[in-house]
Amino acid sequence: MYRGASQLNLDEKGRISMPARYRDEILASCGGRLVITVDMSHCLMIYPFPQWEAIEAKLMAQPNMDPQVRRLQRLLIGHANEVEMTAQGRILIAPVLREFAGLKKQVTLVGQGKKFELWDTERWREQTERWLEEEAEQQGSSEALMSLSL
């Protein structure tokens, strides 16, 4: 289970070093094979390969004549980039993906259970503030969250 946020540096070659606390789990679950793709929030999603395969199969099973399905297939599958974590725990983020997410030198890796999100740190902070403001305005309006006790 991947959780927590980590501040990382993107090196001059476009690589990040996965935090040490995740490396063993990544190696055990997928042998270091990961898939990086885009998210509509203009961040990147990083999946262990087996997790990605399940998502890709579900997405490809949908009727691609539906414009929304086709759009999602184009975005997620069209941008999917398979990478291998090095022995030093580094992964290379393709230039097209870095550009899509607006990644600069400072990035934030956010554990989301079975996947990660990778954000430009400035964009992450701005988006977090926006989410907090929205939550304050809409507090208690989600039926799905009403039964959740935090």
Protein backbone atom coordinates (compact mmCIF):
# COMPACT_ATOMS: atom_id res chain seq x y z
CA MET A 1 0.00 0.00 0.00
CA TYR A 2 1.48 3.32 -1.07
CA ARG A 3 0.64 6.30 1.13
CA GLY A 4 2.09 9.65 2.06
CA ALA A 5 3.62 12.54 0.15
CA SER A 6 7.34 12.85 -0.61
CA GLN A 7 9.19 15.88 -1.93
CA LEU A 8 11.63 14.77 -4.65
CA ASN A 9 14.00 16.32 -7.16
CA LEU A 10 13.76 15.72 -10.87
CA ASP A 11 17.33 15.42 -12.18
CA GLU A 12 18.66 16.91 -15.42
CA LYS A 13 17.91 13.65 -17.26
CA GLY A 14 14.27 13.65 -16.12
CA ARG A 15 14.63 10.95 -13.46
CA ILE A 16 13.30 10.71 -9.93
CA SER A 17 14.52 8.45 -7.14
CA MET A 18 11.69 6.49 -5.60
CA PRO A 19 11.72 6.85 -1.81
CA ALA A 20 13.52 3.93 -0.16
CA ARG A 21 10.41 2.94 1.81
CA TYR A 22 8.64 1.93 -1.46
CA ARG A 23 11.46 0.22 -3.34
CA ASP A 24 11.18 -3.26 -1.81
CA GLU A 25 7.42 -3.33 -2.31
CA ILE A 26 7.79 -2.19 -5.94
CA LEU A 27 10.38 -4.87 -6.59
CA ALA A 28 8.25 -7.55 -4.91
CA SER A 29 4.99 -6.62 -6.63
CA CYS A 30 6.22 -5.99 -10.17
CA GLY A 31 9.96 -6.57 -10.39
CA GLY A 32 10.46 -2.82 -10.75
CA ARG A 33 8.25 -2.57 -13.86
CA LEU A 34 6.01 0.50 -13.73
CA VAL A 35 3.69 2.33 -16.11
CA ILE A 36 3.46 6.11 -16.09
CA THR A 37 0.53 7.88 -17.71
CA VAL A 38 -1.37 11.15 -17.53
CA ASP A 39 -4.24 12.19 -15.29
CA MET A 40 -6.88 14.78 -16.17
CA SER A 41 -5.72 16.84 -13.16
CA HIS A 42 -2.44 17.45 -15.03
CA CYS A 43 -0.38 15.21 -12.84
CA LEU A 44 1.06 11.80 -13.69
CA MET A 45 -0.07 8.42 -12.40
CA ILE A 46 2.50 5.72 -11.73
CA TYR A 47 1.22 2.14 -11.57
CA PRO A 48 2.97 -1.13 -10.79
CA PHE A 49 2.73 -3.08 -14.05
CA PRO A 50 0.17 -5.69 -12.83
CA GLN A 51 -2.14 -2.91 -11.60
CA TRP A 52 -1.84 -1.14 -14.94
CA GLU A 53 -2.58 -4.31 -16.92
CA ALA A 54 -5.90 -4.71 -15.10
CA ILE A 55 -6.87 -1.07 -15.72
CA GLU A 56 -5.82 -1.23 -19.36
CA ALA A 57 -7.83 -4.43 -19.92
CA LYS A 58 -10.96 -2.87 -18.37
CA LEU A 59 -10.56 0.28 -20.42
CA MET A 60 -9.99 -1.61 -23.68
CA ALA A 61 -13.07 -3.76 -23.00
CA GLN A 62 -15.27 -0.66 -23.17
CA PRO A 63 -17.02 0.23 -26.46
CA ASN A 64 -14.60 2.58 -28.19
CA MET A 65 -17.35 4.09 -30.32
CA ASP A 66 -18.42 5.98 -27.18
CA PRO A 67 -16.65 9.37 -27.42
CA GLN A 68 -15.94 9.57 -23.68
CA VAL A 69 -14.43 6.07 -23.65
CA ARG A 70 -12.34 6.83 -26.72
CA ARG A 71 -11.10 10.08 -25.18
CA LEU A 72 -10.06 8.28 -21.99
CA GLN A 73 -8.35 5.51 -23.99
CA ARG A 74 -6.43 8.10 -25.98
CA LEU A 75 -5.33 9.94 -22.86
CA LEU A 76 -4.45 7.04 -20.57
CA ILE A 77 -3.29 4.37 -22.98
CA GLY A 78 -1.93 6.79 -25.55
CA HIS A 79 0.37 8.37 -22.96
CA ALA A 80 1.23 5.15 -21.09
CA ASN A 81 4.97 4.70 -20.81
CA GLU A 82 6.47 1.51 -19.42
CA VAL A 83 9.59 2.07 -17.29
CA GLU A 84 11.92 -0.04 -15.21
CA MET A 85 13.15 1.10 -11.80
CA THR A 86 16.96 0.96 -11.72
CA ALA A 87 19.01 -0.74 -9.01
CA GLN A 88 19.44 2.76 -7.51
CA GLY A 89 15.65 3.19 -7.36
CA ARG A 90 15.43 5.74 -10.17
CA ILE A 91 12.76 5.96 -12.85
CA LEU A 92 12.87 8.02 -16.02
CA ILE A 93 9.93 10.30 -16.77
CA ALA A 94 9.54 10.75 -20.54
CA PRO A 95 9.77 14.35 -21.82
CA VAL A 96 6.19 14.33 -23.16
CA LEU A 97 4.91 13.28 -19.72
CA ARG A 98 7.04 15.88 -17.91
CA GLU A 99 5.69 18.54 -20.25
CA PHE A 100 2.06 17.41 -19.79
CA ALA A 101 2.33 17.63 -16.00
CA GLY A 102 4.44 20.80 -16.03
CA LEU A 103 7.13 19.10 -13.97
CA LYS A 104 10.02 21.30 -12.98
CA LYS A 105 12.87 20.45 -10.60
CA GLN A 106 10.76 20.07 -7.43
CA VAL A 107 8.12 17.32 -7.63
CA THR A 108 5.81 15.66 -5.12
CA LEU A 109 5.12 11.92 -5.17
CA VAL A 110 1.78 11.10 -3.53
CA GLY A 111 0.91 7.53 -2.53
CA GLN A 112 -2.66 6.64 -3.48
CA GLY A 113 -3.01 3.06 -2.26
CA LYS A 114 -2.19 0.94 -5.31
CA LYS A 115 -0.63 3.73 -7.37
CA PHE A 116 1.25 7.01 -7.10
CA GLU A 117 0.55 10.47 -8.40
CA LEU A 118 3.45 12.69 -9.42
CA TRP A 119 2.88 16.45 -9.29
CA ASP A 120 4.94 19.55 -9.86
CA THR A 121 5.33 20.70 -6.24
CA GLU A 122 4.00 24.20 -6.89
CA ARG A 123 0.94 22.82 -8.69
CA TRP A 124 0.43 20.27 -5.86
CA ARG A 125 0.36 23.03 -3.24
CA GLU A 126 -2.05 25.15 -5.29
CA GLN A 127 -4.35 22.19 -5.93
CA THR A 128 -4.29 21.16 -2.25
CA GLU A 129 -5.38 24.67 -1.25
CA ARG A 130 -8.16 24.56 -3.85
CA TRP A 131 -9.38 21.19 -2.52
CA LEU A 132 -9.39 22.51 1.06
CA GLU A 133 -11.42 25.55 0.01
CA GLU A 134 -13.89 23.38 -1.92
CA GLU A 135 -14.25 21.02 1.03
CA ALA A 136 -14.97 23.91 3.39
CA GLU A 137 -17.67 25.17 1.01
CA GLN A 138 -19.27 21.75 0.45
CA GLN A 139 -18.79 20.20 3.88
CA GLY A 140 -21.18 17.31 4.44
CA SER A 141 -22.66 17.33 0.94
CA SER A 142 -21.32 13.96 -0.24
CA GLU A 143 -23.55 11.02 0.66
CA ALA A 144 -20.71 8.62 -0.02
CA LEU A 145 -18.60 10.31 2.65
CA MET A 146 -21.34 10.83 5.25
CA SER A 147 -20.75 7.41 6.84
CA LEU A 148 -16.98 7.82 6.92
CA SER A 149 -15.62 8.66 10.34
CA LEU A 150 -12.12 10.17 10.26
